[in-house]
Structure formats: structure tokens, C-alpha cells
Amino acid sequence: RSARSDEDGEELAAPAVRRASSDDKDARALKDMTLYEDRDVLVLNK
């Protein structure tokens, strides 16, 4: 987490940045589990 400052000068923690490779692995795994999907709903085969 990198530090940044707000308008009052207080140090805030920047949100953690997840590595793209981690996101890709999880996204692929979820895609492999998917039985049904539309713009509102995702049905997984856990």
C-alpha cells in the first residue's frame, strides 16, 4: 500500500493493488465454474 495525502494533509493508505496475474487466475477459475450468466446474475458450479 502506498501512502497519499488528503486535502487536509493527513496521510491515507492507498488501496492495495492486486497483481493482474492473480485476478486473471481467479477470473478464469470462475469462468470455468459458470453454468449461467447474464448482465444481472451469475450461477456457479462450486
PDB file of all heavy atoms in Angstrom:
ATOM      1  N   ARG A   1       0.862  -1.183   0.000  1.00  0.00           N
ATOM      2  CA  ARG A   1       0.000   0.000   0.000  1.00  0.00           C
ATOM      3  C   ARG A   1       0.900   1.235   0.000  1.00  0.00           C
ATOM      4  O   ARG A   1       1.794   1.359   0.833  1.00  0.00           O
ATOM      5  CB  ARG A   1      -0.901   0.019   1.244  1.00  0.00           C
ATOM      6  CG  ARG A   1      -1.958  -1.075   1.243  1.00  0.00           C
ATOM      7  CD  ARG A   1      -2.720  -1.051   2.551  1.00  0.00           C
ATOM      8  NE  ARG A   1      -3.729  -2.086   2.575  1.00  0.00           N
ATOM      9  CZ  ARG A   1      -4.999  -1.892   2.271  1.00  0.00           C
ATOM     10  NH1 ARG A   1      -5.406  -0.709   1.913  1.00  0.00           N
ATOM     11  NH2 ARG A   1      -5.861  -2.877   2.320  1.00  0.00           N
ATOM     12  N   SER A   2       0.669   2.131  -0.892  1.00  0.00           N
ATOM     13  CA  SER A   2       1.457   3.354  -0.926  1.00  0.00           C
ATOM     14  C   SER A   2       0.694   4.463  -0.219  1.00  0.00           C
ATOM     15  O   SER A   2      -0.526   4.444  -0.159  1.00  0.00           O
ATOM     16  CB  SER A   2       1.708   3.766  -2.386  1.00  0.00           C
ATOM     17  OG  SER A   2       0.491   3.991  -3.056  1.00  0.00           O
ATOM     18  N   ALA A   3       1.424   5.409   0.325  1.00  0.00           N
ATOM     19  CA  ALA A   3       0.778   6.485   1.072  1.00  0.00           C
ATOM     20  C   ALA A   3       0.419   7.635   0.151  1.00  0.00           C
ATOM     21  O   ALA A   3       1.089   7.921  -0.818  1.00  0.00           O
ATOM     22  CB  ALA A   3       1.716   6.978   2.182  1.00  0.00           C
ATOM     23  N   ARG A   4      -0.702   8.296   0.491  1.00  0.00           N
ATOM     24  CA  ARG A   4      -1.077   9.513  -0.209  1.00  0.00           C
ATOM     25  C   ARG A   4      -1.687  10.445   0.827  1.00  0.00           C
ATOM     26  O   ARG A   4      -1.922  10.050   1.969  1.00  0.00           O
ATOM     27  CB  ARG A   4      -2.085   9.217  -1.330  1.00  0.00           C
ATOM     28  CG  ARG A   4      -3.371   8.584  -0.854  1.00  0.00           C
ATOM     29  CD  ARG A   4      -4.281   8.187  -2.016  1.00  0.00           C
ATOM     30  NE  ARG A   4      -5.477   7.521  -1.563  1.00  0.00           N
ATOM     31  CZ  ARG A   4      -6.584   8.122  -1.217  1.00  0.00           C
ATOM     32  NH1 ARG A   4      -6.635   9.460  -1.224  1.00  0.00           N
ATOM     33  NH2 ARG A   4      -7.644   7.446  -0.816  1.00  0.00           N
ATOM     34  N   SER A   5      -1.943  11.687   0.477  1.00  0.00           N
ATOM     35  CA  SER A   5      -2.491  12.644   1.432  1.00  0.00           C
ATOM     36  C   SER A   5      -3.826  13.156   0.961  1.00  0.00           C
ATOM     37  O   SER A   5      -4.075  13.286  -0.239  1.00  0.00           O
ATOM     38  CB  SER A   5      -1.532  13.831   1.618  1.00  0.00           C
ATOM     39  OG  SER A   5      -0.302  13.381   2.136  1.00  0.00           O
ATOM     40  N   ASP A   6      -4.718  13.419   1.942  1.00  0.00           N
ATOM     41  CA  ASP A   6      -5.990  14.027   1.557  1.00  0.00           C
ATOM     42  C   ASP A   6      -5.824  15.538   1.532  1.00  0.00           C
ATOM     43  O   ASP A   6      -4.730  16.066   1.694  1.00  0.00           O
ATOM     44  CB  ASP A   6      -7.094  13.594   2.519  1.00  0.00           C
ATOM     45  CG  ASP A   6      -6.870  14.108   3.936  1.00  0.00           C
ATOM     46  OD1 ASP A   6      -5.891  14.868   4.165  1.00  0.00           O
ATOM     47  OD2 ASP A   6      -7.667  13.747   4.806  1.00  0.00           O
ATOM     48  N   GLU A   7      -6.931  16.255   1.342  1.00  0.00           N
ATOM     49  CA  GLU A   7      -6.848  17.703   1.178  1.00  0.00           C
ATOM     50  C   GLU A   7      -6.344  18.395   2.442  1.00  0.00           C
ATOM     51  O   GLU A   7      -5.818  19.497   2.393  1.00  0.00           O
ATOM     52  CB  GLU A   7      -8.216  18.249   0.793  1.00  0.00           C
ATOM     53  CG  GLU A   7      -8.655  17.791  -0.600  1.00  0.00           C
ATOM     54  CD  GLU A   7     -10.030  18.313  -0.947  1.00  0.00           C
ATOM     55  OE1 GLU A   7     -10.663  18.937  -0.080  1.00  0.00           O
ATOM     56  OE2 GLU A   7     -10.477  18.092  -2.085  1.00  0.00           O
ATOM     57  N   ASP A   8      -6.526  17.735   3.619  1.00  0.00           N
ATOM     58  CA  ASP A   8      -6.091  18.331   4.873  1.00  0.00           C
ATOM     59  C   ASP A   8      -4.662  17.945   5.220  1.00  0.00           C
ATOM     60  O   ASP A   8      -4.158  18.288   6.290  1.00  0.00           O
ATOM     61  CB  ASP A   8      -7.017  17.902   6.016  1.00  0.00           C
ATOM     62  CG  ASP A   8      -8.422  18.429   5.819  1.00  0.00           C
ATOM     63  OD1 ASP A   8      -8.558  19.552   5.290  1.00  0.00           O
ATOM     64  OD2 ASP A   8      -9.369  17.707   6.171  1.00  0.00           O
ATOM     65  N   GLY A   9      -4.012  17.191   4.325  1.00  0.00           N
ATOM     66  CA  GLY A   9      -2.630  16.831   4.551  1.00  0.00           C
ATOM     67  C   GLY A   9      -2.438  15.570   5.355  1.00  0.00           C
ATOM     68  O   GLY A   9      -1.301  15.175   5.630  1.00  0.00           O
ATOM     69  N   GLU A  10      -3.559  14.902   5.799  1.00  0.00           N
ATOM     70  CA  GLU A  10      -3.413  13.668   6.557  1.00  0.00           C
ATOM     71  C   GLU A  10      -3.062  12.521   5.626  1.00  0.00           C
ATOM     72  O   GLU A  10      -3.579  12.428   4.514  1.00  0.00           O
ATOM     73  CB  GLU A  10      -4.708  13.340   7.311  1.00  0.00           C
ATOM     74  CG  GLU A  10      -5.024  14.329   8.410  1.00  0.00           C
ATOM     75  CD  GLU A  10      -6.208  13.864   9.222  1.00  0.00           C
ATOM     76  OE1 GLU A  10      -6.610  12.689   9.065  1.00  0.00           O
ATOM     77  OE2 GLU A  10      -6.724  14.671   9.998  1.00  0.00           O
ATOM     78  N   GLU A  11      -2.165  11.672   6.112  1.00  0.00           N
ATOM     79  CA  GLU A  11      -1.730  10.557   5.285  1.00  0.00           C
ATOM     80  C   GLU A  11      -2.800   9.471   5.264  1.00  0.00           C
ATOM     81  O   GLU A  11      -3.316   9.075   6.300  1.00  0.00           O
ATOM     82  CB  GLU A  11      -0.413   9.992   5.826  1.00  0.00           C
ATOM     83  CG  GLU A  11       0.222   8.964   4.919  1.00  0.00           C
ATOM     84  CD  GLU A  11       1.561   8.524   5.420  1.00  0.00           C
ATOM     85  OE1 GLU A  11       1.607   7.685   6.337  1.00  0.00           O
ATOM     86  OE2 GLU A  11       2.566   9.013   4.904  1.00  0.00           O
ATOM     87  N   LEU A  12      -3.154   9.004   4.085  1.00  0.00           N
ATOM     88  CA  LEU A  12      -4.137   7.950   3.906  1.00  0.00           C
ATOM     89  C   LEU A  12      -3.483   6.769   3.220  1.00  0.00           C
ATOM     90  O   LEU A  12      -2.530   6.933   2.463  1.00  0.00           O
ATOM     91  CB  LEU A  12      -5.316   8.437   3.047  1.00  0.00           C
ATOM     92  CG  LEU A  12      -6.073   9.660   3.567  1.00  0.00           C
ATOM     93  CD1 LEU A  12      -7.109  10.070   2.542  1.00  0.00           C
ATOM     94  CD2 LEU A  12      -6.737   9.338   4.891  1.00  0.00           C
ATOM     95  N   ALA A  13      -3.991   5.589   3.467  1.00  0.00           N
ATOM     96  CA  ALA A  13      -3.457   4.391   2.807  1.00  0.00           C
ATOM     97  C   ALA A  13      -4.121   4.202   1.466  1.00  0.00           C
ATOM     98  O   ALA A  13      -5.351   4.200   1.365  1.00  0.00           O
ATOM     99  CB  ALA A  13      -3.704   3.162   3.676  1.00  0.00           C
ATOM    100  N   ALA A  14      -3.298   4.105   0.438  1.00  0.00           N
ATOM    101  CA  ALA A  14      -3.851   3.835  -0.891  1.00  0.00           C
ATOM    102  C   ALA A  14      -4.333   2.401  -0.938  1.00  0.00           C
ATOM    103  O   ALA A  14      -3.782   1.532  -0.268  1.00  0.00           O
ATOM    104  CB  ALA A  14      -2.772   4.055  -1.952  1.00  0.00           C
ATOM    105  N   PRO A  15      -5.409   2.117  -1.680  1.00  0.00           N
ATOM    106  CA  PRO A  15      -5.905   0.742  -1.741  1.00  0.00           C
ATOM    107  C   PRO A  15      -4.866  -0.198  -2.324  1.00  0.00           C
ATOM    108  O   PRO A  15      -4.077   0.178  -3.182  1.00  0.00           O
ATOM    109  CB  PRO A  15      -7.131   0.856  -2.671  1.00  0.00           C
ATOM    110  CG  PRO A  15      -6.907   2.101  -3.458  1.00  0.00           C
ATOM    111  CD  PRO A  15      -6.169   3.032  -2.547  1.00  0.00           C
ATOM    112  N   ALA A  16      -4.851  -1.430  -1.813  1.00  0.00           N
ATOM    113  CA  ALA A  16      -3.899  -2.423  -2.308  1.00  0.00           C
ATOM    114  C   ALA A  16      -4.183  -2.723  -3.766  1.00  0.00           C
ATOM    115  O   ALA A  16      -5.328  -2.847  -4.182  1.00  0.00           O
ATOM    116  CB  ALA A  16      -4.009  -3.703  -1.483  1.00  0.00           C
ATOM    117  N   VAL A  17      -3.138  -2.832  -4.545  1.00  0.00           N
ATOM    118  CA  VAL A  17      -3.280  -3.149  -5.969  1.00  0.00           C
ATOM    119  C   VAL A  17      -2.963  -4.617  -6.168  1.00  0.00           C
ATOM    120  O   VAL A  17      -1.852  -5.063  -5.888  1.00  0.00           O
ATOM    121  CB  VAL A  17      -2.317  -2.289  -6.819  1.00  0.00           C
ATOM    122  CG1 VAL A  17      -2.456  -2.652  -8.286  1.00  0.00           C
ATOM    123  CG2 VAL A  17      -2.593  -0.822  -6.602  1.00  0.00           C
ATOM    124  N   ARG A  18      -3.944  -5.395  -6.585  1.00  0.00           N
ATOM    125  CA  ARG A  18      -3.724  -6.808  -6.799  1.00  0.00           C
ATOM    126  C   ARG A  18      -3.039  -7.028  -8.129  1.00  0.00           C
ATOM    127  O   ARG A  18      -3.300  -6.335  -9.098  1.00  0.00           O
ATOM    128  CB  ARG A  18      -5.053  -7.573  -6.779  1.00  0.00           C
ATOM    129  CG  ARG A  18      -5.816  -7.395  -5.490  1.00  0.00           C
ATOM    130  CD  ARG A  18      -7.123  -8.160  -5.544  1.00  0.00           C
ATOM    131  NE  ARG A  18      -6.860  -9.598  -5.567  1.00  0.00           N
ATOM    132  CZ  ARG A  18      -7.612 -10.459  -6.222  1.00  0.00           C
ATOM    133  NH1 ARG A  18      -8.607 -10.046  -6.952  1.00  0.00           N
ATOM    134  NH2 ARG A  18      -7.335 -11.751  -6.189  1.00  0.00           N
ATOM    135  N   ARG A  19      -2.174  -8.013  -8.163  1.00  0.00           N
ATOM    136  CA  ARG A  19      -1.458  -8.291  -9.396  1.00  0.00           C
ATOM    137  C   ARG A  19      -2.407  -8.825 -10.455  1.00  0.00           C
ATOM    138  O   ARG A  19      -3.309  -9.607 -10.162  1.00  0.00           O
ATOM    139  CB  ARG A  19      -0.351  -9.307  -9.134  1.00  0.00           C
ATOM    140  CG  ARG A  19       0.744  -8.781  -8.241  1.00  0.00           C
ATOM    141  CD  ARG A  19       1.770  -9.842  -7.966  1.00  0.00           C
ATOM    142  NE  ARG A  19       1.150 -10.996  -7.326  1.00  0.00           N
ATOM    143  CZ  ARG A  19       1.762 -12.176  -7.239  1.00  0.00           C
ATOM    144  NH1 ARG A  19       2.951 -12.346  -7.764  1.00  0.00           N
ATOM    145  NH2 ARG A  19       1.157 -13.183  -6.638  1.00  0.00           N
ATOM    146  N   ALA A  20      -2.205  -8.412 -11.665  1.00  0.00           N
ATOM    147  CA  ALA A  20      -3.091  -8.826 -12.751  1.00  0.00           C
ATOM    148  C   ALA A  20      -3.140 -10.337 -12.886  1.00  0.00           C
ATOM    149  O   ALA A  20      -4.176 -10.917 -13.168  1.00  0.00           O
ATOM    150  CB  ALA A  20      -2.629  -8.180 -14.059  1.00  0.00           C
ATOM    151  N   SER A  21      -1.998 -11.003 -12.646  1.00  0.00           N
ATOM    152  CA  SER A  21      -1.959 -12.451 -12.792  1.00  0.00           C
ATOM    153  C   SER A  21      -2.887 -13.132 -11.801  1.00  0.00           C
ATOM    154  O   SER A  21      -3.521 -14.139 -12.110  1.00  0.00           O
ATOM    155  CB  SER A  21      -0.531 -12.963 -12.597  1.00  0.00           C
ATOM    156  OG  SER A  21      -0.045 -12.619 -11.304  1.00  0.00           O
ATOM    157  N   SER A  22      -3.000 -12.568 -10.566  1.00  0.00           N
ATOM    158  CA  SER A  22      -3.893 -13.130  -9.561  1.00  0.00           C
ATOM    159  C   SER A  22      -5.341 -12.971  -9.987  1.00  0.00           C
ATOM    160  O   SER A  22      -6.144 -13.900  -9.894  1.00  0.00           O
ATOM    161  CB  SER A  22      -3.670 -12.436  -8.210  1.00  0.00           C
ATOM    162  OG  SER A  22      -2.343 -12.599  -7.775  1.00  0.00           O
ATOM    163  N   ASP A  23      -5.687 -11.774 -10.453  1.00  0.00           N
ATOM    164  CA  ASP A  23      -7.044 -11.539 -10.946  1.00  0.00           C
ATOM    165  C   ASP A  23      -7.368 -12.463 -12.104  1.00  0.00           C
ATOM    166  O   ASP A  23      -8.464 -13.021 -12.185  1.00  0.00           O
ATOM    167  CB  ASP A  23      -7.189 -10.077 -11.402  1.00  0.00           C
ATOM    168  CG  ASP A  23      -7.401  -9.135 -10.222  1.00  0.00           C
ATOM    169  OD1 ASP A  23      -7.637  -9.633  -9.112  1.00  0.00           O
ATOM    170  OD2 ASP A  23      -7.324  -7.919 -10.429  1.00  0.00           O
ATOM    171  N   ASP A  24      -6.425 -12.628 -12.994  1.00  0.00           N
ATOM    172  CA  ASP A  24      -6.656 -13.466 -14.176  1.00  0.00           C
ATOM    173  C   ASP A  24      -6.927 -14.909 -13.777  1.00  0.00           C
ATOM    174  O   ASP A  24      -7.807 -15.563 -14.327  1.00  0.00           O
ATOM    175  CB  ASP A  24      -5.448 -13.400 -15.114  1.00  0.00           C
ATOM    176  CG  ASP A  24      -5.310 -12.040 -15.787  1.00  0.00           C
ATOM    177  OD1 ASP A  24      -6.282 -11.265 -15.748  1.00  0.00           O
ATOM    178  OD2 ASP A  24      -4.230 -11.757 -16.331  1.00  0.00           O
ATOM    179  N   LYS A  25      -6.169 -15.407 -12.810  1.00  0.00           N
ATOM    180  CA  LYS A  25      -6.359 -16.788 -12.367  1.00  0.00           C
ATOM    181  C   LYS A  25      -7.737 -16.976 -11.750  1.00  0.00           C
ATOM    182  O   LYS A  25      -8.429 -17.955 -12.029  1.00  0.00           O
ATOM    183  CB  LYS A  25      -5.267 -17.182 -11.358  1.00  0.00           C
ATOM    184  CG  LYS A  25      -3.897 -17.392 -11.975  1.00  0.00           C
ATOM    185  CD  LYS A  25      -2.894 -17.797 -10.907  1.00  0.00           C
ATOM    186  CE  LYS A  25      -1.509 -18.007 -11.504  1.00  0.00           C
ATOM    187  NZ  LYS A  25      -0.513 -18.386 -10.460  1.00  0.00           N
ATOM    188  N   ASP A  26      -8.131 -16.043 -10.880  1.00  0.00           N
ATOM    189  CA  ASP A  26      -9.446 -16.150 -10.252  1.00  0.00           C
ATOM    190  C   ASP A  26     -10.558 -16.006 -11.287  1.00  0.00           C
ATOM    191  O   ASP A  26     -11.563 -16.725 -11.239  1.00  0.00           O
ATOM    192  CB  ASP A  26      -9.595 -15.078  -9.170  1.00  0.00           C
ATOM    193  CG  ASP A  26      -8.794 -15.402  -7.915  1.00  0.00           C
ATOM    194  OD1 ASP A  26      -8.362 -16.562  -7.789  1.00  0.00           O
ATOM    195  OD2 ASP A  26      -8.619 -14.509  -7.079  1.00  0.00           O
ATOM    196  N   ALA A  27     -10.387 -15.070 -12.221  1.00  0.00           N
ATOM    197  CA  ALA A  27     -11.403 -14.860 -13.251  1.00  0.00           C
ATOM    198  C   ALA A  27     -11.554 -16.102 -14.123  1.00  0.00           C
ATOM    199  O   ALA A  27     -12.678 -16.502 -14.474  1.00  0.00           O
ATOM    200  CB  ALA A  27     -11.043 -13.644 -14.110  1.00  0.00           C
ATOM    201  N   ARG A  28     -10.432 -16.736 -14.465  1.00  0.00           N
ATOM    202  CA  ARG A  28     -10.505 -17.955 -15.285  1.00  0.00           C
ATOM    203  C   ARG A  28     -11.175 -19.091 -14.523  1.00  0.00           C
ATOM    204  O   ARG A  28     -11.970 -19.854 -15.083  1.00  0.00           O
ATOM    205  CB  ARG A  28      -9.096 -18.381 -15.722  1.00  0.00           C
ATOM    206  CG  ARG A  28      -8.496 -17.516 -16.824  1.00  0.00           C
ATOM    207  CD  ARG A  28      -7.317 -18.223 -17.485  1.00  0.00           C
ATOM    208  NE  ARG A  28      -6.261 -18.547 -16.529  1.00  0.00           N
ATOM    209  CZ  ARG A  28      -5.259 -17.734 -16.236  1.00  0.00           C
ATOM    210  NH1 ARG A  28      -5.172 -16.539 -16.818  1.00  0.00           N
ATOM    211  NH2 ARG A  28      -4.325 -18.107 -15.373  1.00  0.00           N
ATOM    212  N   ALA A  29     -10.847 -19.199 -13.241  1.00  0.00           N
ATOM    213  CA  ALA A  29     -11.451 -20.259 -12.431  1.00  0.00           C
ATOM    214  C   ALA A  29     -12.966 -20.063 -12.329  1.00  0.00           C
ATOM    215  O   ALA A  29     -13.736 -21.020 -12.440  1.00  0.00           O
ATOM    216  CB  ALA A  29     -10.827 -20.278 -11.042  1.00  0.00           C
ATOM    217  N   LEU A  30     -13.399 -18.826 -12.129  1.00  0.00           N
ATOM    218  CA  LEU A  30     -14.830 -18.544 -12.044  1.00  0.00           C
ATOM    219  C   LEU A  30     -15.526 -18.809 -13.379  1.00  0.00           C
ATOM    220  O   LEU A  30     -16.650 -19.321 -13.421  1.00  0.00           O
ATOM    221  CB  LEU A  30     -15.057 -17.093 -11.609  1.00  0.00           C
ATOM    222  CG  LEU A  30     -14.681 -16.771 -10.162  1.00  0.00           C
ATOM    223  CD1 LEU A  30     -14.668 -15.266  -9.936  1.00  0.00           C
ATOM    224  CD2 LEU A  30     -15.633 -17.448  -9.186  1.00  0.00           C
ATOM    225  N   LYS A  31     -14.847 -18.483 -14.477  1.00  0.00           N
ATOM    226  CA  LYS A  31     -15.417 -18.743 -15.792  1.00  0.00           C
ATOM    227  C   LYS A  31     -15.621 -20.236 -16.001  1.00  0.00           C
ATOM    228  O   LYS A  31     -16.639 -20.672 -16.553  1.00  0.00           O
ATOM    229  CB  LYS A  31     -14.506 -18.179 -16.885  1.00  0.00           C
ATOM    230  CG  LYS A  31     -15.075 -18.356 -18.304  1.00  0.00           C
ATOM    231  CD  LYS A  31     -14.173 -17.721 -19.346  1.00  0.00           C
ATOM    232  CE  LYS A  31     -14.763 -17.892 -20.746  1.00  0.00           C
ATOM    233  NZ  LYS A  31     -13.896 -17.273 -21.781  1.00  0.00           N
ATOM    234  N   ASP A  32     -14.653 -21.030 -15.543  1.00  0.00           N
ATOM    235  CA  ASP A  32     -14.772 -22.481 -15.683  1.00  0.00           C
ATOM    236  C   ASP A  32     -15.923 -23.036 -14.846  1.00  0.00           C
ATOM    237  O   ASP A  32     -16.480 -24.086 -15.175  1.00  0.00           O
ATOM    238  CB  ASP A  32     -13.464 -23.160 -15.260  1.00  0.00           C
ATOM    239  CG  ASP A  32     -12.325 -22.910 -16.252  1.00  0.00           C
ATOM    240  OD1 ASP A  32     -12.621 -22.531 -17.401  1.00  0.00           O
ATOM    241  OD2 ASP A  32     -11.154 -23.081 -15.858  1.00  0.00           O
ATOM    242  N   MET A  33     -16.278 -22.348 -13.768  1.00  0.00           N
ATOM    243  CA  MET A  33     -17.374 -22.801 -12.904  1.00  0.00           C
ATOM    244  C   MET A  33     -18.755 -22.352 -13.402  1.00  0.00           C
ATOM    245  O   MET A  33     -19.774 -22.842 -12.922  1.00  0.00           O
ATOM    246  CB  MET A  33     -17.204 -22.235 -11.486  1.00  0.00           C
ATOM    247  CG  MET A  33     -15.997 -22.675 -10.729  1.00  0.00           C
ATOM    248  SD  MET A  33     -16.026 -21.862  -9.091  1.00  0.00           S
ATOM    249  CE  MET A  33     -14.277 -21.790  -8.730  1.00  0.00           C
ATOM    250  N   THR A  34     -18.787 -21.407 -14.340  1.00  0.00           N
ATOM    251  CA  THR A  34     -20.042 -20.761 -14.705  1.00  0.00           C
ATOM    252  C   THR A  34     -20.990 -21.687 -15.477  1.00  0.00           C
ATOM    253  O   THR A  34     -20.634 -22.277 -16.485  1.00  0.00           O
ATOM    254  CB  THR A  34     -19.765 -19.499 -15.546  1.00  0.00           C
ATOM    255  OG1 THR A  34     -18.968 -18.590 -14.772  1.00  0.00           O
ATOM    256  CG2 THR A  34     -21.068 -18.812 -15.934  1.00  0.00           C
ATOM    257  N   LEU A  35     -22.222 -21.771 -14.951  1.00  0.00           N
ATOM    258  CA  LEU A  35     -23.278 -22.538 -15.612  1.00  0.00           C
ATOM    259  C   LEU A  35     -24.240 -21.632 -16.372  1.00  0.00           C
ATOM    260  O   LEU A  35     -24.833 -22.032 -17.362  1.00  0.00           O
ATOM    261  CB  LEU A  35     -24.081 -23.334 -14.569  1.00  0.00           C
ATOM    262  CG  LEU A  35     -23.324 -24.416 -13.792  1.00  0.00           C
ATOM    263  CD1 LEU A  35     -24.194 -24.944 -12.656  1.00  0.00           C
ATOM    264  CD2 LEU A  35     -22.914 -25.548 -14.726  1.00  0.00           C
ATOM    265  N   TYR A  36     -24.404 -20.401 -15.866  1.00  0.00           N
ATOM    266  CA  TYR A  36     -25.330 -19.443 -16.488  1.00  0.00           C
ATOM    267  C   TYR A  36     -24.865 -18.037 -16.140  1.00  0.00           C
ATOM    268  O   TYR A  36     -24.383 -17.789 -15.027  1.00  0.00           O
ATOM    269  CB  TYR A  36     -26.756 -19.660 -15.973  1.00  0.00           C
ATOM    270  CG  TYR A  36     -27.732 -18.583 -16.406  1.00  0.00           C
ATOM    271  CD1 TYR A  36     -28.384 -18.662 -17.645  1.00  0.00           C
ATOM    272  CD2 TYR A  36     -27.986 -17.484 -15.591  1.00  0.00           C
ATOM    273  CE1 TYR A  36     -29.261 -17.667 -18.045  1.00  0.00           C
ATOM    274  CE2 TYR A  36     -28.863 -16.482 -15.988  1.00  0.00           C
ATOM    275  CZ  TYR A  36     -29.493 -16.578 -17.213  1.00  0.00           C
ATOM    276  OH  TYR A  36     -30.359 -15.591 -17.623  1.00  0.00           O
ATOM    277  N   GLU A  37     -25.015 -17.125 -17.092  1.00  0.00           N
ATOM    278  CA  GLU A  37     -24.637 -15.741 -16.838  1.00  0.00           C
ATOM    279  C   GLU A  37     -25.433 -14.798 -17.707  1.00  0.00           C
ATOM    280  O   GLU A  37     -25.693 -15.072 -18.883  1.00  0.00           O
ATOM    281  CB  GLU A  37     -23.138 -15.547 -17.098  1.00  0.00           C
ATOM    282  CG  GLU A  37     -22.638 -14.135 -16.810  1.00  0.00           C
ATOM    283  CD  GLU A  37     -21.139 -13.979 -17.003  1.00  0.00           C
ATOM    284  OE1 GLU A  37     -20.520 -14.910 -17.570  1.00  0.00           O
ATOM    285  OE2 GLU A  37     -20.581 -12.941 -16.594  1.00  0.00           O
ATOM    286  N   ASP A  38     -25.870 -13.675 -17.127  1.00  0.00           N
ATOM    287  CA  ASP A  38     -26.410 -12.561 -17.898  1.00  0.00           C
ATOM    288  C   ASP A  38     -25.951 -11.277 -17.212  1.00  0.00           C
ATOM    289  O   ASP A  38     -25.068 -11.326 -16.340  1.00  0.00           O
ATOM    290  CB  ASP A  38     -27.938 -12.653 -18.049  1.00  0.00           C
ATOM    291  CG  ASP A  38     -28.687 -12.619 -16.723  1.00  0.00           C
ATOM    292  OD1 ASP A  38     -28.180 -12.001 -15.761  1.00  0.00           O
ATOM    293  OD2 ASP A  38     -29.788 -13.205 -16.635  1.00  0.00           O
ATOM    294  N   ARG A  39     -26.506 -10.155 -17.546  1.00  0.00           N
ATOM    295  CA  ARG A  39     -25.986  -8.895 -17.012  1.00  0.00           C
ATOM    296  C   ARG A  39     -26.292  -8.700 -15.523  1.00  0.00           C
ATOM    297  O   ARG A  39     -25.725  -7.816 -14.879  1.00  0.00           O
ATOM    298  CB  ARG A  39     -26.558  -7.714 -17.797  1.00  0.00           C
ATOM    299  CG  ARG A  39     -28.085  -7.614 -17.765  1.00  0.00           C
ATOM    300  CD  ARG A  39     -28.536  -6.395 -18.536  1.00  0.00           C
ATOM    301  NE  ARG A  39     -29.986  -6.333 -18.652  1.00  0.00           N
ATOM    302  CZ  ARG A  39     -30.655  -5.271 -19.102  1.00  0.00           C
ATOM    303  NH1 ARG A  39     -29.975  -4.185 -19.459  1.00  0.00           N
ATOM    304  NH2 ARG A  39     -31.962  -5.282 -19.191  1.00  0.00           N
ATOM    305  N   ASP A  40     -27.206  -9.510 -14.973  1.00  0.00           N
ATOM    306  CA  ASP A  40     -27.592  -9.350 -13.574  1.00  0.00           C
ATOM    307  C   ASP A  40     -27.152 -10.489 -12.671  1.00  0.00           C
ATOM    308  O   ASP A  40     -26.991 -10.306 -11.468  1.00  0.00           O
ATOM    309  CB  ASP A  40     -29.125  -9.246 -13.467  1.00  0.00           C
ATOM    310  CG  ASP A  40     -29.686  -8.106 -14.285  1.00  0.00           C
ATOM    311  OD1 ASP A  40     -29.361  -6.951 -13.972  1.00  0.00           O
ATOM    312  OD2 ASP A  40     -30.433  -8.378 -15.245  1.00  0.00           O
ATOM    313  N   VAL A  41     -26.978 -11.668 -13.251  1.00  0.00           N
ATOM    314  CA  VAL A  41     -26.832 -12.881 -12.447  1.00  0.00           C
ATOM    315  C   VAL A  41     -25.697 -13.760 -12.965  1.00  0.00           C
ATOM    316  O   VAL A  41     -25.432 -13.809 -14.163  1.00  0.00           O
ATOM    317  CB  VAL A  41     -28.150 -13.682 -12.455  1.00  0.00           C
ATOM    318  CG1 VAL A  41     -27.990 -15.027 -11.776  1.00  0.00           C
ATOM    319  CG2 VAL A  41     -29.258 -12.889 -11.781  1.00  0.00           C
ATOM    320  N   LEU A  42     -25.057 -14.445 -12.022  1.00  0.00           N
ATOM    321  CA  LEU A  42     -24.042 -15.438 -12.339  1.00  0.00           C
ATOM    322  C   LEU A  42     -24.376 -16.687 -11.526  1.00  0.00           C
ATOM    323  O   LEU A  42     -24.591 -16.601 -10.322  1.00  0.00           O
ATOM    324  CB  LEU A  42     -22.664 -14.897 -11.948  1.00  0.00           C
ATOM    325  CG  LEU A  42     -21.416 -15.717 -12.279  1.00  0.00           C
ATOM    326  CD1 LEU A  42     -21.228 -15.825 -13.788  1.00  0.00           C
ATOM    327  CD2 LEU A  42     -20.186 -15.086 -11.632  1.00  0.00           C
ATOM    328  N   VAL A  43     -24.467 -17.839 -12.188  1.00  0.00           N
ATOM    329  CA  VAL A  43     -24.718 -19.098 -11.487  1.00  0.00           C
ATOM    330  C   VAL A  43     -23.472 -19.968 -11.638  1.00  0.00           C
ATOM    331  O   VAL A  43     -23.065 -20.287 -12.757  1.00  0.00           O
ATOM    332  CB  VAL A  43     -25.953 -19.839 -12.041  1.00  0.00           C
ATOM    333  CG1 VAL A  43     -26.184 -21.123 -11.234  1.00  0.00           C
ATOM    334  CG2 VAL A  43     -27.188 -18.952 -11.979  1.00  0.00           C
ATOM    335  N   LEU A  44     -22.866 -20.319 -10.496  1.00  0.00           N
ATOM    336  CA  LEU A  44     -21.622 -21.083 -10.496  1.00  0.00           C
ATOM    337  C   LEU A  44     -21.865 -22.538 -10.106  1.00  0.00           C
ATOM    338  O   LEU A  44     -22.805 -22.842  -9.362  1.00  0.00           O
ATOM    339  CB  LEU A  44     -20.624 -20.466  -9.509  1.00  0.00           C
ATOM    340  CG  LEU A  44     -20.236 -19.007  -9.724  1.00  0.00           C
ATOM    341  CD1 LEU A  44     -19.314 -18.544  -8.596  1.00  0.00           C
ATOM    342  CD2 LEU A  44     -19.574 -18.810 -11.077  1.00  0.00           C
ATOM    343  N   ASN A  45     -20.999 -23.409 -10.576  1.00  0.00           N
ATOM    344  CA  ASN A  45     -20.961 -24.798 -10.149  1.00  0.00           C
ATOM    345  C   ASN A  45     -19.772 -24.939  -9.209  1.00  0.00           C
ATOM    346  O   ASN A  45     -18.652 -25.183  -9.637  1.00  0.00           O
ATOM    347  CB  ASN A  45     -20.811 -25.727 -11.362  1.00  0.00           C
ATOM    348  CG  ASN A  45     -20.726 -27.185 -10.958  1.00  0.00           C
ATOM    349  OD1 ASN A  45     -21.189 -27.579  -9.905  1.00  0.00           O
ATOM    350  ND2 ASN A  45     -20.135 -27.993 -11.829  1.00  0.00           N
ATOM    351  N   LYS A  46     -20.020 -24.733  -7.901  1.00  0.00           N
ATOM    352  CA  LYS A  46     -18.928 -24.732  -6.929  1.00  0.00           C
ATOM    353  C   LYS A  46     -18.393 -26.148  -6.726  1.00  0.00           C
ATOM    354  O   LYS A  46     -19.156 -27.067  -6.460  1.00  0.00           O
ATOM    355  CB  LYS A  46     -19.399 -24.174  -5.587  1.00  0.00           C
ATOM    356  CG  LYS A  46     -18.259 -23.953  -4.587  1.00  0.00           C
ATOM    357  CD  LYS A  46     -18.764 -23.743  -3.197  1.00  0.00           C
ATOM    358  CE  LYS A  46     -19.194 -25.015  -2.535  1.00  0.00           C
ATOM    359  NZ  LYS A  46     -18.081 -25.982  -2.293  1.00  0.00           N
TER     360      LYS A  46
END
